């Protein structure tokens, strides 16, 4: 018997019963990084550069406690089970603010 791994998808663009989605009411944070030209010029100005694998970066950034209820998940193992609720505590890929929060966190880490 083979099993397929379950992949949970969090869709912040899906509208709720009032017609609004999380992404439609969330502040995107604005632009937190330089344009591509400025980034490329930095490679000429400085003799060293570093790169990083940011695949799991969002999962390392904690969300303020007051904002966690906005990332509430309802879960049922089966149709007979009661609904369980969970609140995400980290930045979630697919939310409109995620790119800003990730870039701003990296900027703050470089300053600290």
N, C-alpha and C. Protein backbone atom coordinates (compact mmCIF):
# COMPACT_ATOMS: atom_id res chain seq x y z
N UNK A 1 0.84 -1.18 0.00
CA UNK A 1 0.00 0.00 0.00
C UNK A 1 0.89 1.24 0.00
N UNK A 2 0.73 2.09 -0.97
CA UNK A 2 1.50 3.33 -1.01
C UNK A 2 0.63 4.49 -0.55
N UNK A 3 1.27 5.41 0.09
CA UNK A 3 0.54 6.59 0.55
C UNK A 3 1.17 7.83 -0.06
N UNK A 4 0.35 8.81 -0.25
CA UNK A 4 0.81 10.09 -0.78
C UNK A 4 0.90 11.07 0.37
N UNK A 5 2.01 11.78 0.43
CA UNK A 5 2.20 12.76 1.49
C UNK A 5 1.17 13.89 1.35
N UNK A 6 0.54 14.23 2.44
CA UNK A 6 -0.45 15.30 2.46
C UNK A 6 0.26 16.65 2.43
N UNK A 7 -0.14 17.51 1.54
CA UNK A 7 0.44 18.85 1.45
C UNK A 7 -0.65 19.86 1.74
N UNK A 8 -0.50 20.56 2.84
CA UNK A 8 -1.48 21.57 3.24
C UNK A 8 -1.12 22.88 2.55
N UNK A 9 -2.11 23.52 1.95
CA UNK A 9 -1.89 24.79 1.25
C UNK A 9 -2.67 25.88 1.97
N UNK A 10 -1.97 26.95 2.31
CA UNK A 10 -2.58 28.11 2.95
C UNK A 10 -2.79 29.15 1.86
N UNK A 11 -4.04 29.46 1.54
CA UNK A 11 -4.36 30.38 0.46
C UNK A 11 -4.88 31.70 1.04
N UNK A 12 -4.00 32.68 1.13
CA UNK A 12 -4.37 33.98 1.71
C UNK A 12 -5.16 34.85 0.75
N UNK A 13 -5.34 34.41 -0.49
CA UNK A 13 -6.13 35.19 -1.45
C UNK A 13 -7.58 34.72 -1.52
N UNK A 14 -7.89 33.63 -0.85
CA UNK A 14 -9.25 33.08 -0.88
C UNK A 14 -10.18 33.98 -0.06
N UNK A 15 -11.25 34.50 -0.67
CA UNK A 15 -12.16 35.38 0.09
C UNK A 15 -13.00 34.59 1.10
N UNK A 16 -13.32 35.26 2.19
CA UNK A 16 -14.18 34.66 3.21
C UNK A 16 -15.64 34.97 2.89
N UNK A 17 -16.51 34.69 3.82
CA UNK A 17 -17.95 34.91 3.59
C UNK A 17 -18.29 36.39 3.40
N UNK A 18 -17.43 37.30 3.90
CA UNK A 18 -17.70 38.73 3.72
C UNK A 18 -17.05 39.28 2.44
N UNK A 19 -16.43 38.40 1.65
CA UNK A 19 -15.84 38.81 0.38
C UNK A 19 -14.41 39.29 0.47
N UNK A 20 -13.86 39.36 1.68
CA UNK A 20 -12.48 39.83 1.86
C UNK A 20 -11.55 38.65 2.09
N UNK A 21 -10.32 38.79 1.63
CA UNK A 21 -9.29 37.78 1.90
C UNK A 21 -8.26 38.39 2.85
N UNK A 22 -7.43 37.54 3.42
CA UNK A 22 -6.36 38.04 4.30
C UNK A 22 -5.45 38.99 3.53
N UNK A 23 -5.09 38.63 2.30
CA UNK A 23 -4.21 39.50 1.51
C UNK A 23 -4.85 40.83 1.16
N UNK A 24 -6.16 40.87 1.01
CA UNK A 24 -6.82 42.13 0.64
C UNK A 24 -6.87 43.12 1.80
N UNK A 25 -6.77 42.65 3.02
CA UNK A 25 -6.83 43.56 4.17
C UNK A 25 -5.47 43.76 4.84
N UNK A 26 -4.46 43.03 4.37
CA UNK A 26 -3.15 43.08 5.00
C UNK A 26 -2.29 44.16 4.36
N UNK A 27 -1.52 44.88 5.20
CA UNK A 27 -0.59 45.89 4.71
C UNK A 27 0.63 45.18 4.14
N UNK A 28 1.07 45.57 2.94
CA UNK A 28 2.19 44.86 2.33
C UNK A 28 3.55 45.32 2.84
N UNK A 29 3.62 46.42 3.55
CA UNK A 29 4.88 46.86 4.14
C UNK A 29 5.71 47.76 3.25
N UNK A 30 5.38 47.86 1.99
CA UNK A 30 6.16 48.72 1.11
C UNK A 30 7.39 48.02 0.56
N UNK A 31 8.24 48.81 -0.06
CA UNK A 31 9.46 48.29 -0.68
C UNK A 31 10.59 48.31 0.33
N UNK A 32 11.21 47.17 0.56
CA UNK A 32 12.26 47.09 1.58
C UNK A 32 13.64 46.80 0.99
N UNK A 33 13.71 46.60 -0.31
CA UNK A 33 15.01 46.33 -0.90
C UNK A 33 15.25 47.24 -2.09
N UNK A 34 16.49 47.34 -2.48
CA UNK A 34 16.86 48.19 -3.60
C UNK A 34 16.41 47.55 -4.91
N UNK A 35 16.39 48.36 -5.96
CA UNK A 35 16.06 47.83 -7.28
C UNK A 35 17.22 46.97 -7.78
N UNK A 36 16.98 46.20 -8.82
CA UNK A 36 17.97 45.25 -9.32
C UNK A 36 19.26 45.94 -9.75
N UNK A 37 19.19 47.11 -10.38
CA UNK A 37 20.39 47.82 -10.81
C UNK A 37 21.28 48.16 -9.62
N UNK A 38 20.69 48.69 -8.56
CA UNK A 38 21.45 49.06 -7.37
C UNK A 38 22.10 47.83 -6.74
N UNK A 39 21.39 46.73 -6.70
CA UNK A 39 21.95 45.50 -6.15
C UNK A 39 23.15 45.04 -6.97
N UNK A 40 23.05 45.11 -8.29
CA UNK A 40 24.17 44.69 -9.15
C UNK A 40 25.37 45.61 -9.00
N UNK A 41 25.15 46.90 -8.81
CA UNK A 41 26.25 47.85 -8.62
C UNK A 41 27.02 47.52 -7.33
N UNK A 42 26.32 47.04 -6.32
CA UNK A 42 26.98 46.67 -5.06
C UNK A 42 28.04 45.61 -5.28
N UNK A 43 27.85 44.73 -6.26
CA UNK A 43 28.84 43.70 -6.55
C UNK A 43 30.12 44.32 -7.13
N UNK A 44 30.01 45.45 -7.76
CA UNK A 44 31.18 46.15 -8.30
C UNK A 44 31.87 46.94 -7.20
N UNK A 45 31.10 47.55 -6.30
CA UNK A 45 31.65 48.40 -5.24
C UNK A 45 32.41 47.64 -4.17
N UNK A 46 32.00 46.41 -3.90
CA UNK A 46 32.58 45.67 -2.78
C UNK A 46 33.27 44.40 -3.27
N UNK A 47 34.42 44.07 -2.67
CA UNK A 47 35.17 42.89 -3.13
C UNK A 47 34.55 41.56 -2.70
N UNK A 48 33.65 41.58 -1.73
CA UNK A 48 33.06 40.33 -1.23
C UNK A 48 31.54 40.40 -1.27
N UNK A 49 30.94 39.27 -1.50
CA UNK A 49 29.48 39.15 -1.46
C UNK A 49 29.15 37.80 -0.83
N UNK A 50 27.98 37.70 -0.28
CA UNK A 50 27.56 36.40 0.24
C UNK A 50 26.16 36.09 -0.26
N UNK A 51 25.88 34.83 -0.33
CA UNK A 51 24.56 34.37 -0.73
C UNK A 51 24.04 33.44 0.36
N UNK A 52 22.77 33.21 0.34
CA UNK A 52 22.16 32.32 1.34
C UNK A 52 20.98 31.60 0.72
N UNK A 53 20.71 30.43 1.24
CA UNK A 53 19.54 29.68 0.84
C UNK A 53 18.38 30.16 1.71
N UNK A 54 17.42 30.79 1.11
CA UNK A 54 16.33 31.39 1.88
C UNK A 54 15.05 30.56 1.79
N UNK A 55 15.19 29.31 1.41
CA UNK A 55 14.02 28.43 1.23
C UNK A 55 13.13 28.37 2.46
N UNK A 56 13.71 28.25 3.63
CA UNK A 56 12.93 28.12 4.86
C UNK A 56 12.95 29.40 5.69
N UNK A 57 13.35 30.50 5.09
CA UNK A 57 13.50 31.75 5.82
C UNK A 57 12.20 32.20 6.49
N UNK A 58 11.09 32.10 5.80
CA UNK A 58 9.83 32.58 6.38
C UNK A 58 9.50 31.86 7.68
N UNK A 59 9.86 30.60 7.78
CA UNK A 59 9.56 29.81 8.98
C UNK A 59 10.43 30.20 10.17
N UNK A 60 11.41 31.05 9.96
CA UNK A 60 12.29 31.50 11.04
C UNK A 60 11.89 32.86 11.60
N UNK A 61 10.91 33.51 10.99
CA UNK A 61 10.52 34.86 11.39
C UNK A 61 9.20 34.78 12.15
N UNK A 62 9.24 35.16 13.42
CA UNK A 62 8.05 35.10 14.25
C UNK A 62 7.12 36.29 13.99
N UNK A 63 5.84 36.02 14.05
CA UNK A 63 4.80 37.04 13.90
C UNK A 63 4.43 37.55 15.29
N UNK A 64 4.17 38.84 15.40
CA UNK A 64 3.75 39.41 16.68
C UNK A 64 2.50 38.69 17.16
N UNK A 65 2.44 38.45 18.46
CA UNK A 65 1.33 37.68 19.05
C UNK A 65 -0.05 38.25 18.70
N UNK A 66 -0.14 39.57 18.61
CA UNK A 66 -1.44 40.18 18.31
C UNK A 66 -1.92 39.88 16.88
N UNK A 67 -0.98 39.48 16.00
CA UNK A 67 -1.33 39.21 14.61
C UNK A 67 -1.57 37.73 14.32
N UNK A 68 -1.22 36.87 15.25
CA UNK A 68 -1.34 35.43 15.03
C UNK A 68 -2.78 34.95 14.80
N UNK A 69 -3.80 35.55 15.44
CA UNK A 69 -5.17 35.10 15.14
C UNK A 69 -5.58 35.27 13.67
N UNK A 70 -4.91 36.17 12.96
CA UNK A 70 -5.21 36.33 11.53
C UNK A 70 -4.74 35.12 10.72
N UNK A 71 -3.84 34.35 11.30
CA UNK A 71 -3.32 33.16 10.62
C UNK A 71 -3.86 31.89 11.27
N UNK A 72 -5.12 31.90 11.60
CA UNK A 72 -5.76 30.76 12.25
C UNK A 72 -6.15 29.72 11.20
N UNK A 73 -5.90 28.48 11.55
CA UNK A 73 -6.22 27.36 10.66
C UNK A 73 -7.25 26.48 11.35
N UNK A 74 -8.27 26.09 10.61
CA UNK A 74 -9.26 25.12 11.09
C UNK A 74 -8.90 23.77 10.47
N UNK A 75 -8.89 22.72 11.30
CA UNK A 75 -8.42 21.43 10.83
C UNK A 75 -9.32 20.31 11.33
N UNK A 76 -9.61 19.37 10.43
CA UNK A 76 -10.34 18.16 10.79
C UNK A 76 -9.60 16.97 10.18
N UNK A 77 -9.34 15.97 11.00
CA UNK A 77 -8.71 14.75 10.48
C UNK A 77 -9.69 13.98 9.60
N UNK A 78 -10.95 13.94 10.03
CA UNK A 78 -12.00 13.28 9.25
C UNK A 78 -13.30 14.04 9.46
N UNK A 79 -14.30 13.70 8.68
CA UNK A 79 -15.57 14.43 8.78
C UNK A 79 -16.27 14.21 10.12
N UNK A 80 -15.94 13.12 10.81
CA UNK A 80 -16.56 12.85 12.11
C UNK A 80 -15.87 13.57 13.27
N UNK A 81 -14.63 13.98 13.08
CA UNK A 81 -13.85 14.61 14.16
C UNK A 81 -14.29 16.05 14.38
N UNK A 82 -14.11 16.54 15.61
CA UNK A 82 -14.39 17.96 15.85
C UNK A 82 -13.32 18.84 15.19
N UNK A 83 -13.68 20.08 14.95
CA UNK A 83 -12.74 21.02 14.35
C UNK A 83 -11.70 21.43 15.38
N UNK A 84 -10.43 21.39 14.97
CA UNK A 84 -9.34 21.87 15.82
C UNK A 84 -8.87 23.20 15.24
N UNK A 85 -8.42 24.09 16.10
CA UNK A 85 -7.90 25.37 15.61
C UNK A 85 -6.43 25.49 15.98
N UNK A 86 -5.67 26.05 15.05
CA UNK A 86 -4.25 26.31 15.24
C UNK A 86 -3.97 27.72 14.78
N UNK A 87 -3.01 28.38 15.41
CA UNK A 87 -2.57 29.71 14.96
C UNK A 87 -1.11 29.62 14.56
N UNK A 88 -0.83 30.05 13.35
CA UNK A 88 0.55 30.07 12.88
C UNK A 88 1.32 31.16 13.62
N UNK A 89 2.56 30.89 13.92
CA UNK A 89 3.38 31.83 14.67
C UNK A 89 4.50 32.43 13.83
N UNK A 90 4.62 31.97 12.60
CA UNK A 90 5.69 32.46 11.74
C UNK A 90 5.12 33.04 10.45
N UNK A 91 5.95 33.78 9.74
CA UNK A 91 5.55 34.36 8.46
C UNK A 91 5.15 33.22 7.52
N UNK A 92 4.07 33.42 6.81
CA UNK A 92 3.54 32.38 5.92
C UNK A 92 3.74 32.78 4.47
N UNK A 93 4.35 31.89 3.71
CA UNK A 93 4.54 32.10 2.28
C UNK A 93 3.18 32.28 1.62
N UNK A 94 3.06 33.27 0.76
CA UNK A 94 1.80 33.51 0.06
C UNK A 94 1.00 34.67 0.62
N UNK A 95 1.40 35.16 1.79
CA UNK A 95 0.73 36.35 2.31
C UNK A 95 1.39 37.58 1.69
N UNK A 96 0.63 38.63 1.52
CA UNK A 96 1.12 39.82 0.82
C UNK A 96 2.28 40.49 1.56
N UNK A 97 2.36 40.33 2.86
CA UNK A 97 3.42 40.98 3.64
C UNK A 97 4.69 40.14 3.76
N UNK A 98 4.67 38.89 3.35
CA UNK A 98 5.80 37.99 3.55
C UNK A 98 7.11 38.49 2.92
N UNK A 99 7.13 38.95 1.67
CA UNK A 99 8.39 39.42 1.10
C UNK A 99 8.98 40.61 1.87
N UNK A 100 8.13 41.55 2.27
CA UNK A 100 8.62 42.70 3.03
C UNK A 100 9.18 42.24 4.37
N UNK A 101 8.46 41.41 5.09
CA UNK A 101 8.90 40.96 6.41
C UNK A 101 10.23 40.20 6.32
N UNK A 102 10.39 39.38 5.30
CA UNK A 102 11.64 38.64 5.14
C UNK A 102 12.81 39.58 4.84
N UNK A 103 12.60 40.49 3.90
CA UNK A 103 13.66 41.43 3.53
C UNK A 103 14.00 42.36 4.68
N UNK A 104 13.00 42.85 5.36
CA UNK A 104 13.23 43.76 6.48
C UNK A 104 13.94 43.06 7.64
N UNK A 105 13.62 41.79 7.86
CA UNK A 105 14.30 41.02 8.90
C UNK A 105 15.77 40.84 8.56
N UNK A 106 16.07 40.53 7.30
CA UNK A 106 17.47 40.40 6.89
C UNK A 106 18.22 41.71 7.07
N UNK A 107 17.59 42.81 6.72
CA UNK A 107 18.20 44.12 6.90
C UNK A 107 18.50 44.38 8.37
N UNK A 108 17.54 44.09 9.23
CA UNK A 108 17.75 44.30 10.67
C UNK A 108 18.85 43.40 11.21
N UNK A 109 18.91 42.16 10.77
CA UNK A 109 19.97 41.25 11.21
C UNK A 109 21.34 41.76 10.79
N UNK A 110 21.43 42.32 9.59
CA UNK A 110 22.72 42.85 9.14
C UNK A 110 23.14 44.06 9.96
N UNK A 111 22.18 44.84 10.43
CA UNK A 111 22.49 46.01 11.26
C UNK A 111 22.86 45.62 12.68
N UNK A 112 22.20 44.57 13.19
CA UNK A 112 22.48 44.12 14.57
C UNK A 112 23.83 43.45 14.63
